[in-house]
mmCIF file of all heavy atoms, coordinates in Angstrom:
data_MODEL
# 
_entry.id   MODEL 
# 
loop_
_atom_site.group_PDB 
_atom_site.id 
_atom_site.type_symbol 
_atom_site.label_atom_id 
_atom_site.label_alt_id 
_atom_site.label_comp_id 
_atom_site.label_asym_id 
_atom_site.label_entity_id 
_atom_site.label_seq_id 
_atom_site.pdbx_PDB_ins_code 
_atom_site.Cartn_x 
_atom_site.Cartn_y 
_atom_site.Cartn_z 
_atom_site.occupancy 
_atom_site.B_iso_or_equiv 
_atom_site.pdbx_formal_charge 
_atom_site.auth_seq_id 
_atom_site.auth_comp_id 
_atom_site.auth_asym_id 
_atom_site.auth_atom_id 
_atom_site.pdbx_PDB_model_num 
ATOM 1   N N   . LEU A 1 1  ? -58.834 -43.816 -35.821 1.00 0.00 ? 1  LEU A N   1 
ATOM 2   C CA  . LEU A 1 1  ? -60.223 -43.734 -35.373 1.00 0.00 ? 1  LEU A CA  1 
ATOM 3   C C   . LEU A 1 1  ? -60.432 -42.404 -34.677 1.00 0.00 ? 1  LEU A C   1 
ATOM 4   O O   . LEU A 1 1  ? -59.695 -42.063 -33.754 1.00 0.00 ? 1  LEU A O   1 
ATOM 5   C CB  . LEU A 1 1  ? -60.570 -44.894 -34.440 1.00 0.00 ? 1  LEU A CB  1 
ATOM 6   C CG  . LEU A 1 1  ? -61.956 -44.890 -33.801 1.00 0.00 ? 1  LEU A CG  1 
ATOM 7   C CD1 . LEU A 1 1  ? -63.059 -44.978 -34.862 1.00 0.00 ? 1  LEU A CD1 1 
ATOM 8   C CD2 . LEU A 1 1  ? -62.104 -46.027 -32.786 1.00 0.00 ? 1  LEU A CD2 1 
ATOM 9   N N   . VAL A 1 2  ? -61.423 -41.633 -35.126 1.00 0.00 ? 2  VAL A N   1 
ATOM 10  C CA  . VAL A 1 2  ? -61.780 -40.369 -34.473 1.00 0.00 ? 2  VAL A CA  1 
ATOM 11  C C   . VAL A 1 2  ? -63.197 -40.516 -33.942 1.00 0.00 ? 2  VAL A C   1 
ATOM 12  O O   . VAL A 1 2  ? -64.110 -40.899 -34.674 1.00 0.00 ? 2  VAL A O   1 
ATOM 13  C CB  . VAL A 1 2  ? -61.691 -39.211 -35.472 1.00 0.00 ? 2  VAL A CB  1 
ATOM 14  C CG1 . VAL A 1 2  ? -62.184 -37.911 -34.816 1.00 0.00 ? 2  VAL A CG1 1 
ATOM 15  C CG2 . VAL A 1 2  ? -60.261 -39.018 -35.978 1.00 0.00 ? 2  VAL A CG2 1 
ATOM 16  N N   . LEU A 1 3  ? -63.367 -40.216 -32.651 1.00 0.00 ? 3  LEU A N   1 
ATOM 17  C CA  . LEU A 1 3  ? -64.653 -40.331 -31.983 1.00 0.00 ? 3  LEU A CA  1 
ATOM 18  C C   . LEU A 1 3  ? -65.233 -38.975 -31.683 1.00 0.00 ? 3  LEU A C   1 
ATOM 19  O O   . LEU A 1 3  ? -64.510 -38.033 -31.307 1.00 0.00 ? 3  LEU A O   1 
ATOM 20  C CB  . LEU A 1 3  ? -64.489 -41.078 -30.651 1.00 0.00 ? 3  LEU A CB  1 
ATOM 21  C CG  . LEU A 1 3  ? -63.801 -42.437 -30.634 1.00 0.00 ? 3  LEU A CG  1 
ATOM 22  C CD1 . LEU A 1 3  ? -63.550 -42.851 -29.205 1.00 0.00 ? 3  LEU A CD1 1 
ATOM 23  C CD2 . LEU A 1 3  ? -64.659 -43.462 -31.333 1.00 0.00 ? 3  LEU A CD2 1 
ATOM 24  N N   . LEU A 1 4  ? -66.545 -38.857 -31.828 1.00 0.00 ? 4  LEU A N   1 
ATOM 25  C CA  . LEU A 1 4  ? -67.280 -37.673 -31.370 1.00 0.00 ? 4  LEU A CA  1 
ATOM 26  C C   . LEU A 1 4  ? -68.638 -38.180 -30.883 1.00 0.00 ? 4  LEU A C   1 
ATOM 27  O O   . LEU A 1 4  ? -69.505 -38.501 -31.667 1.00 0.00 ? 4  LEU A O   1 
ATOM 28  C CB  . LEU A 1 4  ? -67.438 -36.663 -32.502 1.00 0.00 ? 4  LEU A CB  1 
ATOM 29  C CG  . LEU A 1 4  ? -68.059 -35.322 -32.130 1.00 0.00 ? 4  LEU A CG  1 
ATOM 30  C CD1 . LEU A 1 4  ? -67.192 -34.579 -31.111 1.00 0.00 ? 4  LEU A CD1 1 
ATOM 31  C CD2 . LEU A 1 4  ? -68.270 -34.447 -33.349 1.00 0.00 ? 4  LEU A CD2 1 
ATOM 32  N N   . ILE A 1 5  ? -68.755 -38.282 -29.567 1.00 0.00 ? 5  ILE A N   1 
ATOM 33  C CA  . ILE A 1 5  ? -69.917 -38.959 -28.978 1.00 0.00 ? 5  ILE A CA  1 
ATOM 34  C C   . ILE A 1 5  ? -70.688 -38.011 -28.059 1.00 0.00 ? 5  ILE A C   1 
ATOM 35  O O   . ILE A 1 5  ? -70.108 -37.423 -27.160 1.00 0.00 ? 5  ILE A O   1 
ATOM 36  C CB  . ILE A 1 5  ? -69.475 -40.216 -28.198 1.00 0.00 ? 5  ILE A CB  1 
ATOM 37  C CG1 . ILE A 1 5  ? -68.689 -41.156 -29.113 1.00 0.00 ? 5  ILE A CG1 1 
ATOM 38  C CG2 . ILE A 1 5  ? -70.678 -40.940 -27.602 1.00 0.00 ? 5  ILE A CG2 1 
ATOM 39  C CD1 . ILE A 1 5  ? -68.157 -42.407 -28.437 1.00 0.00 ? 5  ILE A CD1 1 
ATOM 40  N N   . ASP A 1 6  ? -71.975 -37.885 -28.329 1.00 0.00 ? 6  ASP A N   1 
ATOM 41  C CA  . ASP A 1 6  ? -72.860 -37.041 -27.519 1.00 0.00 ? 6  ASP A CA  1 
ATOM 42  C C   . ASP A 1 6  ? -72.317 -35.617 -27.382 1.00 0.00 ? 6  ASP A C   1 
ATOM 43  O O   . ASP A 1 6  ? -72.341 -35.031 -26.280 1.00 0.00 ? 6  ASP A O   1 
ATOM 44  C CB  . ASP A 1 6  ? -73.092 -37.661 -26.133 1.00 0.00 ? 6  ASP A CB  1 
ATOM 45  C CG  . ASP A 1 6  ? -73.873 -38.953 -26.197 1.00 0.00 ? 6  ASP A CG  1 
ATOM 46  O OD1 . ASP A 1 6  ? -74.093 -39.453 -27.312 1.00 0.00 ? 6  ASP A OD1 1 
ATOM 47  O OD2 . ASP A 1 6  ? -74.230 -39.478 -25.132 1.00 0.00 ? 6  ASP A OD2 1 
ATOM 48  N N   . ALA A 1 7  ? -71.830 -35.056 -28.474 1.00 0.00 ? 7  ALA A N   1 
ATOM 49  C CA  . ALA A 1 7  ? -71.246 -33.713 -28.426 1.00 0.00 ? 7  ALA A CA  1 
ATOM 50  C C   . ALA A 1 7  ? -71.784 -32.788 -29.505 1.00 0.00 ? 7  ALA A C   1 
ATOM 51  O O   . ALA A 1 7  ? -71.869 -31.602 -29.296 1.00 0.00 ? 7  ALA A O   1 
ATOM 52  C CB  . ALA A 1 7  ? -69.728 -33.816 -28.539 1.00 0.00 ? 7  ALA A CB  1 
ATOM 53  N N   . LEU A 1 8  ? -72.122 -33.338 -30.674 1.00 0.00 ? 8  LEU A N   1 
ATOM 54  C CA  . LEU A 1 8  ? -72.648 -32.499 -31.751 1.00 0.00 ? 8  LEU A CA  1 
ATOM 55  C C   . LEU A 1 8  ? -73.885 -31.760 -31.309 1.00 0.00 ? 8  LEU A C   1 
ATOM 56  O O   . LEU A 1 8  ? -74.155 -30.630 -31.745 1.00 0.00 ? 8  LEU A O   1 
ATOM 57  C CB  . LEU A 1 8  ? -72.948 -33.337 -32.998 1.00 0.00 ? 8  LEU A CB  1 
ATOM 58  C CG  . LEU A 1 8  ? -71.737 -33.800 -33.815 1.00 0.00 ? 8  LEU A CG  1 
ATOM 59  C CD1 . LEU A 1 8  ? -72.190 -34.785 -34.876 1.00 0.00 ? 8  LEU A CD1 1 
ATOM 60  C CD2 . LEU A 1 8  ? -71.025 -32.599 -34.438 1.00 0.00 ? 8  LEU A CD2 1 
ATOM 61  N N   . MET A 1 9  ? -74.663 -32.349 -30.434 1.00 0.00 ? 9  MET A N   1 
ATOM 62  C CA  . MET A 1 9  ? -75.912 -31.738 -29.970 1.00 0.00 ? 9  MET A CA  1 
ATOM 63  C C   . MET A 1 9  ? -75.634 -30.429 -29.200 1.00 0.00 ? 9  MET A C   1 
ATOM 64  O O   . MET A 1 9  ? -76.518 -29.584 -29.050 1.00 0.00 ? 9  MET A O   1 
ATOM 65  C CB  . MET A 1 9  ? -76.679 -32.684 -29.079 1.00 0.00 ? 9  MET A CB  1 
ATOM 66  C CG  . MET A 1 9  ? -75.930 -33.143 -27.818 1.00 0.00 ? 9  MET A CG  1 
ATOM 67  S SD  . MET A 1 9  ? -76.826 -34.465 -26.950 1.00 0.00 ? 9  MET A SD  1 
ATOM 68  C CE  . MET A 1 9  ? -75.738 -34.760 -25.558 1.00 0.00 ? 9  MET A CE  1 
ATOM 69  N N   . LEU A 1 10 ? -74.390 -30.248 -28.719 1.00 0.00 ? 10 LEU A N   1 
ATOM 70  C CA  . LEU A 1 10 ? -74.031 -29.082 -27.944 1.00 0.00 ? 10 LEU A CA  1 
ATOM 71  C C   . LEU A 1 10 ? -73.281 -28.032 -28.798 1.00 0.00 ? 10 LEU A C   1 
ATOM 72  O O   . LEU A 1 10 ? -72.951 -26.979 -28.274 1.00 0.00 ? 10 LEU A O   1 
ATOM 73  C CB  . LEU A 1 10 ? -73.130 -29.489 -26.762 1.00 0.00 ? 10 LEU A CB  1 
ATOM 74  C CG  . LEU A 1 10 ? -73.685 -30.564 -25.830 1.00 0.00 ? 10 LEU A CG  1 
ATOM 75  C CD1 . LEU A 1 10 ? -72.603 -30.988 -24.847 1.00 0.00 ? 10 LEU A CD1 1 
ATOM 76  C CD2 . LEU A 1 10 ? -74.904 -30.062 -25.086 1.00 0.00 ? 10 LEU A CD2 1 
ATOM 77  N N   . MET A 1 11 ? -73.071 -28.347 -30.061 1.00 0.00 ? 11 MET A N   1 
ATOM 78  C CA  . MET A 1 11 ? -72.202 -27.534 -30.885 1.00 0.00 ? 11 MET A CA  1 
ATOM 79  C C   . MET A 1 11 ? -72.960 -26.427 -31.620 1.00 0.00 ? 11 MET A C   1 
ATOM 80  O O   . MET A 1 11 ? -73.911 -26.699 -32.361 1.00 0.00 ? 11 MET A O   1 
ATOM 81  C CB  . MET A 1 11 ? -71.483 -28.401 -31.911 1.00 0.00 ? 11 MET A CB  1 
ATOM 82  C CG  . MET A 1 11 ? -70.505 -29.386 -31.334 1.00 0.00 ? 11 MET A CG  1 
ATOM 83  S SD  . MET A 1 11 ? -69.066 -28.475 -30.691 1.00 0.00 ? 11 MET A SD  1 
ATOM 84  C CE  . MET A 1 11 ? -68.212 -29.833 -29.874 1.00 0.00 ? 11 MET A CE  1 
ATOM 85  N N   . PRO A 1 12 ? -72.520 -25.176 -31.456 1.00 0.00 ? 12 PRO A N   1 
ATOM 86  C CA  . PRO A 1 12 ? -73.152 -24.090 -32.224 1.00 0.00 ? 12 PRO A CA  1 
ATOM 87  C C   . PRO A 1 12 ? -72.715 -24.086 -33.684 1.00 0.00 ? 12 PRO A C   1 
ATOM 88  O O   . PRO A 1 12 ? -73.382 -23.462 -34.519 1.00 0.00 ? 12 PRO A O   1 
ATOM 89  C CB  . PRO A 1 12 ? -72.660 -22.823 -31.511 1.00 0.00 ? 12 PRO A CB  1 
ATOM 90  C CG  . PRO A 1 12 ? -71.348 -23.227 -30.894 1.00 0.00 ? 12 PRO A CG  1 
ATOM 91  C CD  . PRO A 1 12 ? -71.515 -24.671 -30.503 1.00 0.00 ? 12 PRO A CD  1 
ATOM 92  N N   . ASP A 1 13 ? -71.631 -24.779 -34.015 1.00 0.00 ? 13 ASP A N   1 
ATOM 93  C CA  . ASP A 1 13 ? -71.140 -24.809 -35.398 1.00 0.00 ? 13 ASP A CA  1 
ATOM 94  C C   . ASP A 1 13 ? -70.749 -26.255 -35.721 1.00 0.00 ? 13 ASP A C   1 
ATOM 95  O O   . ASP A 1 13 ? -69.582 -26.651 -35.591 1.00 0.00 ? 13 ASP A O   1 
ATOM 96  C CB  . ASP A 1 13 ? -69.948 -23.854 -35.570 1.00 0.00 ? 13 ASP A CB  1 
ATOM 97  C CG  . ASP A 1 13 ? -69.535 -23.683 -37.034 1.00 0.00 ? 13 ASP A CG  1 
ATOM 98  O OD1 . ASP A 1 13 ? -69.952 -24.518 -37.870 1.00 0.00 ? 13 ASP A OD1 1 
ATOM 99  O OD2 . ASP A 1 13 ? -68.809 -22.720 -37.332 1.00 0.00 ? 13 ASP A OD2 1 
ATOM 100 N N   . GLU A 1 14 ? -71.727 -27.056 -36.128 1.00 0.00 ? 14 GLU A N   1 
ATOM 101 C CA  . GLU A 1 14 ? -71.484 -28.478 -36.393 1.00 0.00 ? 14 GLU A CA  1 
ATOM 102 C C   . GLU A 1 14 ? -70.476 -28.658 -37.523 1.00 0.00 ? 14 GLU A C   1 
ATOM 103 O O   . GLU A 1 14 ? -69.618 -29.535 -37.479 1.00 0.00 ? 14 GLU A O   1 
ATOM 104 C CB  . GLU A 1 14 ? -72.786 -29.173 -36.733 1.00 0.00 ? 14 GLU A CB  1 
ATOM 105 C CG  . GLU A 1 14 ? -72.628 -30.662 -37.037 1.00 0.00 ? 14 GLU A CG  1 
ATOM 106 C CD  . GLU A 1 14 ? -73.974 -31.350 -37.221 1.00 0.00 ? 14 GLU A CD  1 
ATOM 107 O OE1 . GLU A 1 14 ? -74.984 -30.875 -36.675 1.00 0.00 ? 14 GLU A OE1 1 
ATOM 108 O OE2 . GLU A 1 14 ? -74.014 -32.368 -37.933 1.00 0.00 ? 14 GLU A OE2 1 
ATOM 109 N N   . ARG A 1 15 ? -70.589 -27.858 -38.551 1.00 0.00 ? 15 ARG A N   1 
ATOM 110 C CA  . ARG A 1 15 ? -69.719 -28.005 -39.727 1.00 0.00 ? 15 ARG A CA  1 
ATOM 111 C C   . ARG A 1 15 ? -68.245 -27.866 -39.335 1.00 0.00 ? 15 ARG A C   1 
ATOM 112 O O   . ARG A 1 15 ? -67.393 -28.655 -39.794 1.00 0.00 ? 15 ARG A O   1 
ATOM 113 C CB  . ARG A 1 15 ? -70.077 -26.974 -40.791 1.00 0.00 ? 15 ARG A CB  1 
ATOM 114 C CG  . ARG A 1 15 ? -69.207 -27.064 -42.042 1.00 0.00 ? 15 ARG A CG  1 
ATOM 115 C CD  . ARG A 1 15 ? -69.653 -26.028 -43.071 1.00 0.00 ? 15 ARG A CD  1 
ATOM 116 N NE  . ARG A 1 15 ? -68.832 -26.080 -44.280 1.00 0.00 ? 15 ARG A NE  1 
ATOM 117 C CZ  . ARG A 1 15 ? -67.665 -25.460 -44.412 1.00 0.00 ? 15 ARG A CZ  1 
ATOM 118 N NH1 . ARG A 1 15 ? -67.225 -24.698 -43.416 1.00 0.00 ? 15 ARG A NH1 1 
ATOM 119 N NH2 . ARG A 1 15 ? -66.977 -25.574 -45.533 1.00 0.00 ? 15 ARG A NH2 1 
ATOM 120 N N   . ARG A 1 16 ? -67.960 -26.932 -38.461 1.00 0.00 ? 16 ARG A N   1 
ATOM 121 C CA  . ARG A 1 16 ? -66.557 -26.684 -38.089 1.00 0.00 ? 16 ARG A CA  1 
ATOM 122 C C   . ARG A 1 16 ? -65.968 -27.902 -37.359 1.00 0.00 ? 16 ARG A C   1 
ATOM 123 O O   . ARG A 1 16 ? -64.827 -28.307 -37.636 1.00 0.00 ? 16 ARG A O   1 
ATOM 124 C CB  . ARG A 1 16 ? -66.435 -25.454 -37.219 1.00 0.00 ? 16 ARG A CB  1 
ATOM 125 C CG  . ARG A 1 16 ? -64.992 -25.068 -36.891 1.00 0.00 ? 16 ARG A CG  1 
ATOM 126 C CD  . ARG A 1 16 ? -64.941 -23.839 -35.967 1.00 0.00 ? 16 ARG A CD  1 
ATOM 127 N NE  . ARG A 1 16 ? -65.341 -22.648 -36.678 1.00 0.00 ? 16 ARG A NE  1 
ATOM 128 C CZ  . ARG A 1 16 ? -64.474 -21.869 -37.334 1.00 0.00 ? 16 ARG A CZ  1 
ATOM 129 N NH1 . ARG A 1 16 ? -63.193 -22.190 -37.356 1.00 0.00 ? 16 ARG A NH1 1 
ATOM 130 N NH2 . ARG A 1 16 ? -64.898 -20.781 -37.931 1.00 0.00 ? 16 ARG A NH2 1 
ATOM 131 N N   . VAL A 1 17 ? -66.715 -28.491 -36.449 1.00 0.00 ? 17 VAL A N   1 
ATOM 132 C CA  . VAL A 1 17 ? -66.154 -29.627 -35.699 1.00 0.00 ? 17 VAL A CA  1 
ATOM 133 C C   . VAL A 1 17 ? -66.056 -30.860 -36.598 1.00 0.00 ? 17 VAL A C   1 
ATOM 134 O O   . VAL A 1 17 ? -65.135 -31.676 -36.449 1.00 0.00 ? 17 VAL A O   1 
ATOM 135 C CB  . VAL A 1 17 ? -66.965 -29.908 -34.414 1.00 0.00 ? 17 VAL A CB  1 
ATOM 136 C CG1 . VAL A 1 17 ? -68.281 -30.565 -34.712 1.00 0.00 ? 17 VAL A CG1 1 
ATOM 137 C CG2 . VAL A 1 17 ? -66.147 -30.772 -33.456 1.00 0.00 ? 17 VAL A CG2 1 
ATOM 138 N N   . LEU A 1 18 ? -66.965 -31.005 -37.564 1.00 0.00 ? 18 LEU A N   1 
ATOM 139 C CA  . LEU A 1 18 ? -66.858 -32.118 -38.512 1.00 0.00 ? 18 LEU A CA  1 
ATOM 140 C C   . LEU A 1 18 ? -65.641 -31.945 -39.408 1.00 0.00 ? 18 LEU A C   1 
ATOM 141 O O   . LEU A 1 18 ? -64.991 -32.931 -39.762 1.00 0.00 ? 18 LEU A O   1 
ATOM 142 C CB  . LEU A 1 18 ? -68.129 -32.223 -39.360 1.00 0.00 ? 18 LEU A CB  1 
ATOM 143 C CG  . LEU A 1 18 ? -69.397 -32.682 -38.619 1.00 0.00 ? 18 LEU A CG  1 
ATOM 144 C CD1 . LEU A 1 18 ? -70.597 -32.651 -39.539 1.00 0.00 ? 18 LEU A CD1 1 
ATOM 145 C CD2 . LEU A 1 18 ? -69.205 -34.074 -38.040 1.00 0.00 ? 18 LEU A CD2 1 
ATOM 146 N N   . LEU A 1 19 ? -65.306 -30.711 -39.729 1.00 0.00 ? 19 LEU A N   1 
ATOM 147 C CA  . LEU A 1 19 ? -64.086 -30.451 -40.515 1.00 0.00 ? 19 LEU A CA  1 
ATOM 148 C C   . LEU A 1 19 ? -62.839 -30.785 -39.689 1.00 0.00 ? 19 LEU A C   1 
ATOM 149 O O   . LEU A 1 19 ? -61.847 -31.288 -40.223 1.00 0.00 ? 19 LEU A O   1 
ATOM 150 C CB  . LEU A 1 19 ? -64.050 -29.006 -40.987 1.00 0.00 ? 19 LEU A CB  1 
ATOM 151 C CG  . LEU A 1 19 ? -65.035 -28.661 -42.099 1.00 0.00 ? 19 LEU A CG  1 
ATOM 152 C CD1 . LEU A 1 19 ? -65.020 -27.153 -42.356 1.00 0.00 ? 19 LEU A CD1 1 
ATOM 153 C CD2 . LEU A 1 19 ? -64.692 -29.413 -43.388 1.00 0.00 ? 19 LEU A CD2 1 
ATOM 154 N N   . THR A 1 20 ? -62.909 -30.525 -38.375 1.00 0.00 ? 20 THR A N   1 
ATOM 155 C CA  . THR A 1 20 ? -61.791 -30.926 -37.504 1.00 0.00 ? 20 THR A CA  1 
ATOM 156 C C   . THR A 1 20 ? -61.603 -32.436 -37.532 1.00 0.00 ? 20 THR A C   1 
ATOM 157 O O   . THR A 1 20 ? -60.487 -32.937 -37.638 1.00 0.00 ? 20 THR A O   1 
ATOM 158 C CB  . THR A 1 20 ? -62.035 -30.446 -36.059 1.00 0.00 ? 20 THR A CB  1 
ATOM 159 O OG1 . THR A 1 20 ? -62.140 -29.028 -36.020 1.00 0.00 ? 20 THR A OG1 1 
ATOM 160 C CG2 . THR A 1 20 ? -60.911 -30.887 -35.133 1.00 0.00 ? 20 THR A CG2 1 
ATOM 161 N N   . ALA A 1 21 ? -62.730 -33.151 -37.444 1.00 0.00 ? 21 ALA A N   1 
ATOM 162 C CA  . ALA A 1 21 ? -62.653 -34.615 -37.501 1.00 0.00 ? 21 ALA A CA  1 
ATOM 163 C C   . ALA A 1 21 ? -62.086 -35.083 -38.842 1.00 0.00 ? 21 ALA A C   1 
ATOM 164 O O   . ALA A 1 21 ? -61.260 -35.992 -38.911 1.00 0.00 ? 21 ALA A O   1 
ATOM 165 C CB  . ALA A 1 21 ? -64.039 -35.213 -37.282 1.00 0.00 ? 21 ALA A CB  1 
ATOM 166 N N   . HIS A 1 22 ? -62.537 -34.444 -39.918 1.00 0.00 ? 22 HIS A N   1 
ATOM 167 C CA  . HIS A 1 22 ? -62.030 -34.790 -41.253 1.00 0.00 ? 22 HIS A CA  1 
ATOM 168 C C   . HIS A 1 22 ? -60.538 -34.625 -41.328 1.00 0.00 ? 22 HIS A C   1 
ATOM 169 O O   . HIS A 1 22 ? -59.823 -35.523 -41.799 1.00 0.00 ? 22 HIS A O   1 
ATOM 170 C CB  . HIS A 1 22 ? -62.741 -33.868 -42.285 1.00 0.00 ? 22 HIS A CB  1 
ATOM 171 C CG  . HIS A 1 22 ? -62.360 -34.133 -43.701 1.00 0.00 ? 22 HIS A CG  1 
ATOM 172 N ND1 . HIS A 1 22 ? -63.232 -33.884 -44.737 1.00 0.00 ? 22 HIS A ND1 1 
ATOM 173 C CD2 . HIS A 1 22 ? -61.224 -34.619 -44.270 1.00 0.00 ? 22 HIS A CD2 1 
ATOM 174 C CE1 . HIS A 1 22 ? -62.644 -34.216 -45.876 1.00 0.00 ? 22 HIS A CE1 1 
ATOM 175 N NE2 . HIS A 1 22 ? -61.429 -34.651 -45.605 1.00 0.00 ? 22 HIS A NE2 1 
ATOM 176 N N   . ARG A 1 23 ? -60.039 -33.483 -40.866 1.00 0.00 ? 23 ARG A N   1 
ATOM 177 C CA  . ARG A 1 23 ? -58.591 -33.200 -40.954 1.00 0.00 ? 23 ARG A CA  1 
ATOM 178 C C   . ARG A 1 23 ? -57.782 -34.157 -40.075 1.00 0.00 ? 23 ARG A C   1 
ATOM 179 O O   . ARG A 1 23 ? -56.615 -34.416 -40.342 1.00 0.00 ? 23 ARG A O   1 
ATOM 180 C CB  . ARG A 1 23 ? -58.321 -31.767 -40.555 1.00 0.00 ? 23 ARG A CB  1 
ATOM 181 C CG  . ARG A 1 23 ? -58.813 -30.725 -41.543 1.00 0.00 ? 23 ARG A CG  1 
ATOM 182 C CD  . ARG A 1 23 ? -58.242 -29.349 -41.220 1.00 0.00 ? 23 ARG A CD  1 
ATOM 183 N NE  . ARG A 1 23 ? -58.667 -28.889 -39.931 1.00 0.00 ? 23 ARG A NE  1 
ATOM 184 C CZ  . ARG A 1 23 ? -59.747 -28.135 -39.721 1.00 0.00 ? 23 ARG A CZ  1 
ATOM 185 N NH1 . ARG A 1 23 ? -60.521 -27.793 -40.760 1.00 0.00 ? 23 ARG A NH1 1 
ATOM 186 N NH2 . ARG A 1 23 ? -60.076 -27.737 -38.511 1.00 0.00 ? 23 ARG A NH2 1 
ATOM 187 N N   . ALA A 1 24 ? -58.407 -34.676 -39.014 1.00 0.00 ? 24 ALA A N   1 
ATOM 188 C CA  . ALA A 1 24 ? -57.679 -35.545 -38.073 1.00 0.00 ? 24 ALA A CA  1 
ATOM 189 C C   . ALA A 1 24 ? -57.528 -36.981 -38.580 1.00 0.00 ? 24 ALA A C   1 
ATOM 190 O O   . ALA A 1 24 ? -56.701 -37.722 -38.064 1.00 0.00 ? 24 ALA A O   1 
ATOM 191 C CB  . ALA A 1 24 ? -58.370 -35.532 -36.725 1.00 0.00 ? 24 ALA A CB  1 
ATOM 192 N N   . LEU A 1 25 ? -58.327 -37.374 -39.563 1.00 0.00 ? 25 LEU A N   1 
ATOM 193 C CA  . LEU A 1 25 ? -58.335 -38.764 -40.001 1.00 0.00 ? 25 LEU A CA  1 
ATOM 194 C C   . LEU A 1 25 ? -57.093 -39.090 -40.813 1.00 0.00 ? 25 LEU A C   1 
ATOM 195 O O   . LEU A 1 25 ? -56.700 -38.360 -41.727 1.00 0.00 ? 25 LEU A O   1 
ATOM 196 C CB  . LEU A 1 25 ? -59.574 -39.058 -40.834 1.00 0.00 ? 25 LEU A CB  1 
ATOM 197 C CG  . LEU A 1 25 ? -60.879 -39.206 -40.064 1.00 0.00 ? 25 LEU A CG  1 
ATOM 198 C CD1 . LEU A 1 25 ? -62.071 -39.201 -41.027 1.00 0.00 ? 25 LEU A CD1 1 
ATOM 199 C CD2 . LEU A 1 25 ? -60.884 -40.470 -39.215 1.00 0.00 ? 25 LEU A CD2 1 
ATOM 200 N N   . ALA A 1 26 ? -56.499 -40.232 -40.521 1.00 0.00 ? 26 ALA A N   1 
ATOM 201 C CA  . ALA A 1 26 ? -55.446 -40.783 -41.372 1.00 0.00 ? 26 ALA A CA  1 
ATOM 202 C C   . ALA A 1 26 ? -56.067 -41.378 -42.615 1.00 0.00 ? 26 ALA A C   1 
ATOM 203 O O   . ALA A 1 26 ? -57.288 -41.533 -42.701 1.00 0.00 ? 26 ALA A O   1 
ATOM 204 C CB  . ALA A 1 26 ? -54.668 -41.853 -40.600 1.00 0.00 ? 26 ALA A CB  1 
ATOM 205 N N   . GLU A 1 27 ? -55.237 -41.698 -43.590 1.00 0.00 ? 27 GLU A N   1 
ATOM 206 C CA  . GLU A 1 27 ? -55.755 -42.372 -44.784 1.00 0.00 ? 27 GLU A CA  1 
ATOM 207 C C   . GLU A 1 27 ? -56.419 -43.688 -44.355 1.00 0.00 ? 27 GLU A C   1 
ATOM 208 O O   . GLU A 1 27 ? -55.861 -44.464 -43.610 1.00 0.00 ? 27 GLU A O   1 
ATOM 209 C CB  . GLU A 1 27 ? -54.608 -42.639 -45.753 1.00 0.00 ? 27 GLU A CB  1 
ATOM 210 C CG  . GLU A 1 27 ? -55.061 -43.252 -47.061 1.00 0.00 ? 27 GLU A CG  1 
ATOM 211 C CD  . GLU A 1 27 ? -53.890 -43.468 -48.026 1.00 0.00 ? 27 GLU A CD  1 
ATOM 212 O OE1 . GLU A 1 27 ? -52.755 -43.155 -47.649 1.00 0.00 ? 27 GLU A OE1 1 
ATOM 213 O OE2 . GLU A 1 27 ? -54.146 -43.927 -49.153 1.00 0.00 ? 27 GLU A OE2 1 
ATOM 214 N N   . ASN A 1 28 ? -57.643 -43.885 -44.816 1.00 0.00 ? 28 ASN A N   1 
ATOM 215 C CA  . ASN A 1 28 ? -58.450 -45.063 -44.460 1.00 0.00 ? 28 ASN A CA  1 
ATOM 216 C C   . ASN A 1 28 ? -58.885 -45.026 -43.008 1.00 0.00 ? 28 ASN A C   1 
ATOM 217 O O   . ASN A 1 28 ? -59.376 -46.067 -42.498 1.00 0.00 ? 28 ASN A O   1 
ATOM 218 C CB  . ASN A 1 28 ? -57.709 -46.364 -44.761 1.00 0.00 ? 28 ASN A CB  1 
ATOM 219 C CG  . ASN A 1 28 ? -57.427 -46.526 -46.262 1.00 0.00 ? 28 ASN A CG  1 
ATOM 220 O OD1 . ASN A 1 28 ? -58.254 -46.180 -47.086 1.00 0.00 ? 28 ASN A OD1 1 
ATOM 221 N ND2 . ASN A 1 28 ? -56.241 -47.013 -46.566 1.00 0.00 ? 28 ASN A ND2 1 
ATOM 222 N N   . GLY A 1 29 ? -58.745 -43.890 -42.332 1.00 0.00 ? 29 GLY A N   1 
ATOM 223 C CA  . GLY A 1 29 ? -59.241 -43.785 -40.975 1.00 0.00 ? 29 GLY A CA  1 
ATOM 224 C C   . GLY A 1 29 ? -60.756 -43.757 -40.939 1.00 0.00 ? 29 GLY A C   1 
ATOM 225 O O   . GLY A 1 29 ? -61.433 -43.488 -41.936 1.00 0.00 ? 29 GLY A O   1 
# 
C-alpha cells in the first residue's frame, strides 16, 4: 500500500511523484 495524502496539491511536478508511487508498488499493490 502506497499513500499520498494532501500532498499532490503542493507538488510542482505531479507526474514525477506519481511515477515514484508507481515504482514503489509491489505486484497487486
